[in-house]
Amino acid sequence: MNRLLVQNGYVMDPASGQEGYRDILAENGRIVRMGDRRDWQDLQHIPDVRIYDATGLTVAPGLMDVHVHFRDPGFLYKEDIESGSAAAARGGFTTVVLMANTRPVVDNAVTLAYVLEKGRQAGIHVESCCAVTKGLKGRELTDMEGLLAAGAVGFTDDGIPLLDEEIARTAMKEAARLGTVLSFHEEDPAYIAAPGIHAGEAAAYYGIGGAGREAEIRMVERDIRLAAETGARIVIQHISAKETVELVRNAKEKGISVYAEATPHHFTLNEHAAIRYGTLAKMNPPLREEGDRLAIIEGLKDGSIGLIASDHAPHSAEEKAKPLTQAPSGIIGLETALALGITSLVRPGYMTLMSLLEKMTCSPARLYGLNRGYLAEGGPADLVLFDPGEHFRITEFASRSCNSPFTDMELVGRVKGTVCDGRIVYRE
């Protein structure tokens, strides 16, 4: 019998809106009792129980990240499922959804089975999307129905925009028929002279063309139109431009099933970070202007943007040391996501801690139809324990890579422990 008693913590459950000091008893991966331990007359002397004293800590549902790259299979020198899961646990995440742009691509049941089997040994819940198109080539749809039956939770060609409108329409019709989710990387290369750097002050500083905001705007306009036509549920990944925030807001007001992700780097930094940190702040889509950052925050505040996702994208130090135009785009984010949410959104007063947690727990779980992201008797014993007021600097990572502009930056809100299926998978 695997028993864990988390006691003396301040419990916050965004799914119910309930909060307060409660103890949580878990057995065999499920929560069997929540409340004041002093009232548990039948459980005063629980045999074989492990005690986790959460005095001074906030206890919330384990975090969920729906946009993660573990580079496995194919790029294990950057990350693998084991090291990525360790980074996730250290960041308070108990569920991650992997992207399909590996080598080979996760576009078939064999590769999906490999990923899911390694995930079952990782200590946290590792889910995976499959590719929308075979080989991420944008020409022929994968067998969505068969891949859902094999365990896929959604579909995306993330990293590559789906440019063919008829393919995008057909994919949405099939996704609507199957009741699944499509996530879109919205960057039209026609508006990109050099990826990863905003076509503004940052691009001018480096003397390159950069990536214009129109690249995102045009694709989002198209996909919202197609979602309205087909009834599909779509996710706009890593939203970066103020215009696209407004497009999503208007679409949601019309009842179109469009969702959007905001990354911690896009609501924390603007294009000046690309000047300061160089390749460590190069990502697709790029960091844009301060007005875009503030618009993303406003979208999070009013609910237009319902998901916070890290787009955890590991690269080696050697790759990031290349000249700006040759270095790959992307940063790691699992180990800093919660702290950046607290530092950039909660501490300045833009959002409550409960609202932040909602976008990192029950909201993504509902979208993907997963029985996670909440705290209740009979529910999953997946927890994050953190100190929302602790200042700290992160100087080393559990990830195999360390490509982050947030290294040694003072953050607030430190994860102290992570529990998945009633087992402690990380403890500081």
Protein backbone atom coordinates (compact mmCIF):
# COMPACT_ATOMS: atom_id res chain seq x y z
CA MET A 1 0.00 0.00 0.00
CA ASN A 2 1.44 3.35 -1.09
CA ARG A 3 0.23 5.98 1.38
CA LEU A 4 1.21 9.65 1.56
CA LEU A 5 -0.10 12.27 3.98
CA VAL A 6 0.50 15.88 2.97
CA GLN A 7 -0.22 17.98 6.02
CA ASN A 8 -0.29 21.64 7.10
CA GLY A 9 -0.35 23.05 3.54
CA TYR A 10 -2.54 25.82 2.11
CA VAL A 11 -4.54 24.02 -0.56
CA MET A 12 -5.73 25.78 -3.73
CA ASP A 13 -7.99 23.98 -6.22
CA PRO A 14 -8.80 26.07 -9.30
CA ALA A 15 -11.32 23.53 -10.60
CA SER A 16 -13.64 24.13 -7.62
CA GLY A 17 -12.37 27.54 -6.55
CA GLN A 18 -11.88 26.18 -3.03
CA GLU A 19 -8.87 27.10 -0.92
CA GLY A 20 -7.78 26.84 2.69
CA TYR A 21 -5.65 24.84 5.07
CA ARG A 22 -6.29 21.16 4.48
CA ASP A 23 -4.50 17.86 4.80
CA ILE A 24 -4.49 15.40 1.92
CA LEU A 25 -4.22 11.63 2.30
CA ALA A 26 -3.37 9.62 -0.82
CA GLU A 27 -3.46 5.88 -1.26
CA ASN A 28 -2.33 4.04 -4.37
CA GLY A 29 -2.34 7.14 -6.53
CA ARG A 30 -5.73 8.55 -5.51
CA ILE A 31 -6.79 11.12 -2.94
CA VAL A 32 -8.86 9.31 -0.32
CA ARG A 33 -9.31 12.06 2.24
CA MET A 34 -9.10 15.86 2.29
CA GLY A 35 -9.82 18.14 5.21
CA ASP A 36 -8.78 18.72 8.79
CA ARG A 37 -6.74 15.75 9.93
CA ARG A 38 -7.91 16.28 13.50
CA ASP A 39 -11.39 15.21 12.43
CA TRP A 40 -10.18 11.93 10.99
CA GLN A 41 -10.86 9.83 14.07
CA ASP A 42 -10.47 6.61 12.11
CA LEU A 43 -7.14 7.71 10.66
CA GLN A 44 -5.27 9.08 13.64
CA HIS A 45 -2.75 6.30 13.43
CA ILE A 46 -2.37 5.53 9.76
CA PRO A 47 -0.09 2.54 9.21
CA ASP A 48 2.75 2.67 6.71
CA VAL A 49 2.20 6.29 5.75
CA ARG A 50 4.83 8.70 4.50
CA ILE A 51 4.46 12.21 5.92
CA TYR A 52 5.10 15.34 3.85
CA ASP A 53 5.01 18.42 6.08
CA ALA A 54 3.86 21.27 3.84
CA THR A 55 3.96 23.98 6.51
CA GLY A 56 4.39 27.34 4.80
CA LEU A 57 3.68 25.93 1.35
CA THR A 58 0.85 26.21 -1.15
CA VAL A 59 -0.48 22.88 -2.40
CA ALA A 60 -2.17 22.78 -5.81
CA PRO A 61 -2.98 20.21 -8.49
CA GLY A 62 0.07 19.03 -10.37
CA LEU A 63 0.75 21.39 -13.27
CA MET A 64 0.04 20.41 -16.89
CA ASP A 65 2.02 21.64 -19.90
CA VAL A 66 0.45 20.99 -23.31
CA HIS A 67 3.43 22.12 -25.40
CA VAL A 68 6.69 20.33 -24.67
CA HIS A 69 9.62 19.01 -26.72
CA PHE A 70 11.59 16.12 -25.19
CA ARG A 71 13.53 15.44 -28.44
CA ASP A 72 13.05 11.70 -28.04
CA PRO A 73 13.46 9.85 -30.40
CA GLY A 74 16.26 11.29 -32.49
CA PHE A 75 17.88 14.19 -30.65
CA LEU A 76 18.83 12.68 -27.31
CA TYR A 77 21.87 14.93 -26.86
CA LYS A 78 19.40 17.79 -26.32
CA GLU A 79 16.87 15.97 -24.12
CA ASP A 80 15.23 12.60 -23.68
CA ILE A 81 12.03 11.54 -21.98
CA GLU A 82 13.83 10.73 -18.74
CA SER A 83 15.71 14.03 -18.42
CA GLY A 84 12.73 16.03 -19.68
CA SER A 85 10.48 14.39 -17.11
CA ALA A 86 12.98 15.23 -14.36
CA ALA A 87 12.87 18.87 -15.48
CA ALA A 88 9.09 18.77 -15.51
CA ALA A 89 8.92 17.34 -12.00
CA ARG A 90 11.34 19.97 -10.74
CA GLY A 91 9.04 22.62 -12.22
CA GLY A 92 5.93 21.18 -10.56
CA PHE A 93 4.51 19.49 -13.67
CA THR A 94 2.90 16.08 -13.36
CA THR A 95 1.52 15.95 -16.92
CA VAL A 96 3.17 16.98 -20.18
CA VAL A 97 1.98 16.71 -23.77
CA LEU A 98 4.82 16.10 -26.20
CA MET A 99 5.10 17.46 -29.72
CA ALA A 100 5.56 15.22 -32.73
CA ASN A 101 8.59 16.81 -34.46
CA THR A 102 11.09 14.15 -33.47
CA ARG A 103 13.19 11.84 -35.67
CA PRO A 104 11.38 9.74 -36.71
CA VAL A 105 8.26 11.90 -36.60
CA VAL A 106 5.47 10.71 -34.31
CA ASP A 107 3.10 10.10 -37.21
CA ASN A 108 2.56 6.35 -36.78
CA ALA A 109 1.52 3.90 -34.09
CA VAL A 110 4.99 2.35 -33.71
CA THR A 111 6.77 5.61 -32.87
CA LEU A 112 3.88 6.70 -30.66
CA ALA A 113 4.11 3.40 -28.74
CA TYR A 114 7.84 3.98 -28.19
CA VAL A 115 7.20 7.45 -26.74
CA LEU A 116 4.32 6.37 -24.52
CA GLU A 117 6.17 3.31 -23.20
CA LYS A 118 9.19 5.39 -22.22
CA GLY A 119 6.80 7.89 -20.70
CA ARG A 120 5.25 5.23 -18.49
CA GLN A 121 8.65 4.76 -16.86
CA ALA A 122 9.31 8.47 -16.34
CA GLY A 123 7.62 9.16 -13.01
CA ILE A 124 5.15 11.70 -14.39
CA HIS A 125 2.30 11.44 -16.91
CA VAL A 126 3.78 11.72 -20.41
CA GLU A 127 1.18 12.18 -23.14
CA SER A 128 1.87 12.83 -26.80
CA CYS A 129 0.36 14.51 -29.80
CA CYS A 130 0.85 12.99 -33.21
CA ALA A 131 1.56 14.83 -36.44
CA VAL A 132 -1.31 16.21 -38.50
CA THR A 133 0.48 15.32 -41.73
CA LYS A 134 2.79 12.45 -42.56
CA GLY A 135 6.41 13.39 -42.02
CA LEU A 136 5.29 16.95 -41.15
CA LYS A 137 5.37 17.58 -44.89
CA GLY A 138 1.95 19.21 -45.09
CA ARG A 139 0.67 17.05 -47.93
CA GLU A 140 -1.06 13.91 -46.60
CA LEU A 141 -3.01 13.52 -43.37
CA THR A 142 -2.02 10.92 -40.81
CA ASP A 143 -4.49 8.25 -39.66
CA MET A 144 -5.98 10.36 -36.89
CA GLU A 145 -8.60 7.82 -35.91
CA GLY A 146 -6.06 5.02 -35.62
CA LEU A 147 -3.58 7.18 -33.73
CA LEU A 148 -6.23 8.28 -31.22
CA ALA A 149 -6.99 4.61 -30.61
CA ALA A 150 -3.25 4.05 -30.09
CA GLY A 151 -3.10 6.72 -27.38
CA ALA A 152 -2.55 10.11 -29.02
CA VAL A 153 -4.23 13.02 -27.21
CA GLY A 154 -4.20 15.49 -30.09
CA PHE A 155 -2.49 16.49 -33.32
CA THR A 156 0.02 19.13 -34.37
CA ASP A 157 2.70 19.80 -36.94
CA ASP A 158 4.30 22.16 -34.40
CA GLY A 159 7.50 23.70 -35.64
CA ILE A 160 6.13 23.83 -39.19
CA PRO A 161 3.09 25.85 -40.30
CA LEU A 162 0.39 24.00 -42.21
CA LEU A 163 0.36 26.22 -45.31
CA ASP A 164 -2.01 24.32 -47.61
CA GLU A 165 -5.49 25.64 -46.85
CA GLU A 166 -7.29 22.60 -48.24
CA ILE A 167 -5.17 20.25 -46.11
CA ALA A 168 -5.87 22.42 -43.06
CA ARG A 169 -9.61 22.36 -43.82
CA THR A 170 -9.64 18.59 -44.27
CA ALA A 171 -7.69 18.10 -41.05
CA MET A 172 -10.16 20.25 -39.16
CA LYS A 173 -13.13 18.35 -40.56
CA GLU A 174 -11.57 15.07 -39.47
CA ALA A 175 -10.66 16.44 -36.05
CA ALA A 176 -14.23 17.70 -35.58
CA ARG A 177 -15.59 14.28 -36.54
CA LEU A 178 -13.31 12.57 -34.04
CA GLY A 179 -13.75 15.15 -31.27
CA THR A 180 -10.02 15.79 -30.98
CA VAL A 181 -7.85 18.91 -30.79
CA LEU A 182 -5.58 20.43 -33.45
CA SER A 183 -2.74 22.78 -32.43
CA PHE A 184 -1.23 25.14 -34.98
CA HIS A 185 2.17 26.77 -35.31
CA GLU A 186 1.11 30.03 -36.95
CA GLU A 187 4.01 31.50 -38.94
CA ASP A 188 3.75 32.14 -42.66
CA PRO A 189 7.31 32.08 -44.05
CA ALA A 190 6.32 34.64 -46.69
CA TYR A 191 6.62 37.28 -43.97
CA ILE A 192 9.85 35.98 -42.42
CA ALA A 193 13.27 37.08 -43.66
CA ALA A 194 15.14 35.68 -40.65
CA PRO A 195 13.28 33.56 -38.07
CA GLY A 196 13.43 33.91 -34.31
CA ILE A 197 13.96 37.69 -34.10
CA HIS A 198 11.16 40.27 -34.33
CA ALA A 199 11.19 42.48 -37.42
CA GLY A 200 11.54 45.62 -35.33
CA GLU A 201 14.21 47.06 -33.08
CA ALA A 202 15.84 43.69 -32.47
CA ALA A 203 16.17 42.85 -36.16
CA ALA A 204 17.48 46.35 -36.88
CA TYR A 205 20.07 45.95 -34.12
CA TYR A 206 21.39 42.78 -35.75
CA GLY A 207 21.02 44.06 -39.30
CA ILE A 208 18.68 41.27 -40.37
CA GLY A 209 15.16 41.19 -41.77
CA GLY A 210 13.59 39.34 -38.86
CA ALA A 211 10.13 37.82 -38.55
CA GLY A 212 7.16 40.12 -39.09
CA ARG A 213 3.98 40.00 -37.05
CA GLU A 214 2.01 39.50 -40.29
CA ALA A 215 3.37 35.96 -40.37
CA GLU A 216 1.23 35.10 -37.37
CA ILE A 217 -1.73 37.36 -38.13
CA ARG A 218 -2.42 35.91 -41.58
CA MET A 219 -2.28 32.30 -40.44
CA VAL A 220 -4.48 32.91 -37.40
CA GLU A 221 -7.06 34.72 -39.54
CA ARG A 222 -7.21 31.73 -41.87
CA ASP A 223 -7.44 29.11 -39.17
CA ILE A 224 -10.13 30.92 -37.21
CA ARG A 225 -12.15 31.13 -40.45
CA LEU A 226 -11.67 27.41 -41.06
CA ALA A 227 -12.54 26.53 -37.45
CA ALA A 228 -15.79 28.48 -37.79
CA GLU A 229 -16.52 26.62 -41.03
CA THR A 230 -15.72 23.12 -39.76
CA GLY A 231 -16.58 23.28 -36.06
CA ALA A 232 -13.12 22.05 -35.11
CA ARG A 233 -11.44 22.80 -31.80
CA ILE A 234 -8.12 24.46 -32.51
CA VAL A 235 -5.28 25.83 -30.41
CA ILE A 236 -3.20 28.81 -31.48
CA GLN A 237 0.22 27.90 -30.15
CA HIS A 238 2.61 30.34 -28.43
CA ILE A 239 0.68 33.49 -29.34
CA SER A 240 2.98 36.48 -29.78
CA ALA A 241 1.23 39.45 -31.41
CA LYS A 242 -1.36 41.87 -30.05
CA GLU A 243 -3.41 41.57 -33.25
CA THR A 244 -3.74 37.81 -32.88
CA VAL A 245 -4.82 38.17 -29.25
CA GLU A 246 -7.66 40.36 -30.52
CA LEU A 247 -8.49 37.87 -33.26
CA VAL A 248 -8.82 35.10 -30.70
CA ARG A 249 -10.86 37.32 -28.39
CA ASN A 250 -13.33 38.16 -31.15
CA ALA A 251 -13.56 34.53 -32.26
CA LYS A 252 -14.35 33.33 -28.78
CA GLU A 253 -17.05 35.97 -28.43
CA LYS A 254 -18.64 34.51 -31.58
CA GLY A 255 -18.60 31.02 -30.09
CA ILE A 256 -15.84 29.64 -32.30
CA SER A 257 -13.89 26.85 -30.60
CA VAL A 258 -10.50 28.54 -30.66
CA TYR A 259 -8.03 28.40 -27.79
CA ALA A 260 -4.66 30.04 -27.33
CA GLU A 261 -1.42 29.35 -25.49
CA ALA A 262 0.79 32.02 -23.93
CA THR A 263 4.35 31.13 -23.00
CA PRO A 264 6.08 32.56 -19.93
CA HIS A 265 8.76 34.08 -22.13
CA HIS A 266 6.20 35.93 -24.25
CA PHE A 267 4.43 37.44 -21.24
CA THR A 268 7.70 38.23 -19.42
CA LEU A 269 10.09 39.52 -22.10
CA ASN A 270 9.98 41.73 -25.16
CA GLU A 271 12.29 42.07 -28.17
CA HIS A 272 14.93 43.91 -26.13
CA ALA A 273 15.74 40.56 -24.49
CA ALA A 274 16.90 39.32 -27.89
CA ILE A 275 19.39 42.19 -27.95
CA ARG A 276 20.55 41.46 -24.41
CA TYR A 277 20.66 37.67 -24.48
CA GLY A 278 21.24 36.94 -28.17
CA THR A 279 20.53 33.36 -29.19
CA LEU A 280 19.25 32.51 -25.69
CA ALA A 281 16.25 34.73 -26.47
CA LYS A 282 15.77 33.55 -30.05
CA MET A 283 12.54 31.62 -30.53
CA ASN A 284 9.72 31.04 -33.01
CA PRO A 285 7.57 33.08 -32.91
CA PRO A 286 9.91 35.79 -31.66
CA LEU A 287 9.66 38.08 -28.67
CA ARG A 288 7.90 41.16 -29.96
CA GLU A 289 7.23 44.69 -28.73
CA GLU A 290 6.21 45.77 -25.24
CA GLY A 291 2.69 46.41 -26.51
CA ASP A 292 2.45 42.81 -27.63
CA ARG A 293 3.62 41.55 -24.24
CA LEU A 294 1.01 43.66 -22.47
CA ALA A 295 -1.70 42.51 -24.89
CA ILE A 296 -0.86 38.89 -24.08
CA ILE A 297 -1.19 39.67 -20.39
CA GLU A 298 -4.55 41.33 -21.04
CA GLY A 299 -5.65 38.25 -22.97
CA LEU A 300 -4.71 36.07 -20.01
CA LYS A 301 -6.58 38.39 -17.66
CA ASP A 302 -9.85 38.41 -19.61
CA GLY A 303 -9.75 34.72 -20.52
CA SER A 304 -9.12 35.13 -24.24
CA ILE A 305 -5.94 33.13 -23.66
CA GLY A 306 -6.81 30.10 -21.56
CA LEU A 307 -3.56 28.12 -21.54
CA ILE A 308 -0.06 28.77 -20.26
CA ALA A 309 2.43 26.44 -21.94
CA SER A 310 6.22 26.52 -21.80
CA ASP A 311 7.13 25.39 -25.36
CA HIS A 312 10.07 23.70 -23.61
CA ALA A 313 12.60 23.48 -26.47
CA PRO A 314 16.04 22.16 -25.46
CA HIS A 315 19.15 22.79 -27.57
CA SER A 316 22.79 22.10 -26.82
CA ALA A 317 25.20 24.84 -25.74
CA GLU A 318 27.19 24.28 -28.94
CA GLU A 319 24.12 24.89 -31.08
CA LYS A 320 23.16 28.06 -29.22
CA ALA A 321 26.78 29.31 -29.45
CA LYS A 322 26.50 29.56 -33.22
CA PRO A 323 25.99 32.97 -34.90
CA LEU A 324 22.50 34.36 -34.42
CA THR A 325 21.18 33.50 -37.86
CA GLN A 326 22.54 29.93 -37.64
CA ALA A 327 21.57 29.05 -34.06
CA PRO A 328 18.29 27.16 -33.57
CA SER A 329 15.25 28.87 -32.08
CA GLY A 330 13.78 27.91 -28.72
CA ILE A 331 14.41 27.91 -24.99
CA ILE A 332 13.78 25.50 -22.14
CA GLY A 333 10.94 26.46 -19.82
CA LEU A 334 9.58 23.72 -17.58
CA GLU A 335 11.69 24.62 -14.56
CA THR A 336 10.89 28.35 -14.65
CA ALA A 337 7.25 28.43 -15.85
CA LEU A 338 5.43 28.63 -12.51
CA ALA A 339 7.90 31.12 -11.05
CA LEU A 340 7.63 33.34 -14.14
CA GLY A 341 3.86 33.26 -13.84
CA ILE A 342 4.07 34.38 -10.23
CA THR A 343 6.84 36.91 -10.91
CA SER A 344 5.38 38.46 -14.06
CA LEU A 345 1.63 38.06 -13.57
CA VAL A 346 0.70 37.57 -9.92
CA ARG A 347 3.19 39.82 -8.12
CA PRO A 348 2.45 42.87 -10.34
CA GLY A 349 -1.28 42.35 -9.75
CA TYR A 350 -2.33 41.33 -13.26
CA MET A 351 -3.78 38.00 -12.11
CA THR A 352 -4.58 36.14 -8.94
CA LEU A 353 -2.62 33.04 -8.05
CA MET A 354 -5.81 31.00 -8.43
CA SER A 355 -6.32 32.27 -11.97
CA LEU A 356 -2.70 31.52 -12.86
CA LEU A 357 -3.02 27.98 -11.55
CA GLU A 358 -6.26 27.47 -13.47
CA LYS A 359 -4.43 28.10 -16.76
CA MET A 360 -1.75 25.60 -15.78
CA THR A 361 -3.97 22.81 -14.36
CA CYS A 362 -7.68 22.27 -14.95
CA SER A 363 -8.01 24.38 -18.11
CA PRO A 364 -5.53 22.34 -20.20
CA ALA A 365 -6.80 19.09 -18.65
CA ARG A 366 -10.36 19.88 -19.72
CA LEU A 367 -9.31 20.79 -23.24
CA TYR A 368 -7.57 17.44 -23.69
CA GLY A 369 -10.21 15.45 -21.82
CA LEU A 370 -7.80 14.22 -19.15
CA ASN A 371 -8.96 13.32 -15.65
CA ARG A 372 -6.38 15.56 -14.01
CA GLY A 373 -5.85 19.12 -12.88
CA TYR A 374 -8.06 19.12 -9.78
CA LEU A 375 -8.02 18.14 -6.11
CA ALA A 376 -10.89 16.07 -4.73
CA GLU A 377 -11.51 12.88 -2.86
CA GLY A 378 -11.35 10.06 -5.38
CA GLY A 379 -9.31 12.21 -7.75
CA PRO A 380 -5.70 11.82 -8.84
CA ALA A 381 -2.99 12.35 -6.24
CA ASP A 382 -0.99 14.72 -8.44
CA LEU A 383 0.29 17.74 -6.51
CA VAL A 384 2.69 20.64 -6.69
CA LEU A 385 3.97 22.16 -3.45
CA PHE A 386 5.56 25.59 -3.68
CA ASP A 387 6.39 28.73 -1.74
CA PRO A 388 4.73 31.59 -3.66
CA GLY A 389 6.78 34.21 -1.82
CA GLU A 390 10.28 32.78 -1.97
CA HIS A 391 12.84 34.69 -4.02
CA PHE A 392 15.45 32.55 -5.74
CA ARG A 393 17.81 32.30 -8.70
CA ILE A 394 18.04 29.22 -10.88
CA THR A 395 21.64 28.49 -11.83
CA GLU A 396 21.44 24.86 -12.94
CA PHE A 397 18.80 22.72 -14.55
CA ALA A 398 17.55 19.14 -14.39
CA SER A 399 17.08 19.37 -18.15
CA ARG A 400 19.91 18.05 -20.29
CA SER A 401 20.08 21.53 -21.88
CA CYS A 402 20.44 24.96 -20.32
CA ASN A 403 19.35 27.32 -23.11
CA SER A 404 17.43 29.88 -21.08
CA PRO A 405 17.58 33.68 -20.75
CA PHE A 406 16.29 33.28 -17.18
CA THR A 407 19.46 31.71 -15.77
CA ASP A 408 20.51 33.62 -12.64
CA MET A 409 17.52 35.98 -12.90
CA GLU A 410 15.74 36.66 -9.60
CA LEU A 411 12.36 34.94 -9.63
CA VAL A 412 9.59 34.52 -7.08
CA GLY A 413 7.70 31.32 -6.33
CA ARG A 414 9.85 28.25 -5.79
CA VAL A 415 8.67 24.69 -6.29
CA LYS A 416 9.51 22.64 -3.23
CA GLY A 417 7.99 19.32 -4.14
CA THR A 418 6.02 17.41 -6.76
CA VAL A 419 3.81 14.39 -6.19
CA CYS A 420 2.57 12.20 -9.05
CA ASP A 421 0.26 9.23 -8.51
CA GLY A 422 0.80 9.67 -4.78
CA ARG A 423 4.57 9.32 -5.06
CA ILE A 424 7.09 12.08 -4.41
CA VAL A 425 8.90 12.56 -7.71
CA TYR A 426 10.73 15.75 -6.75
CA ARG A 427 11.60 17.27 -3.40
CA GLU A 428 14.00 20.12 -2.84
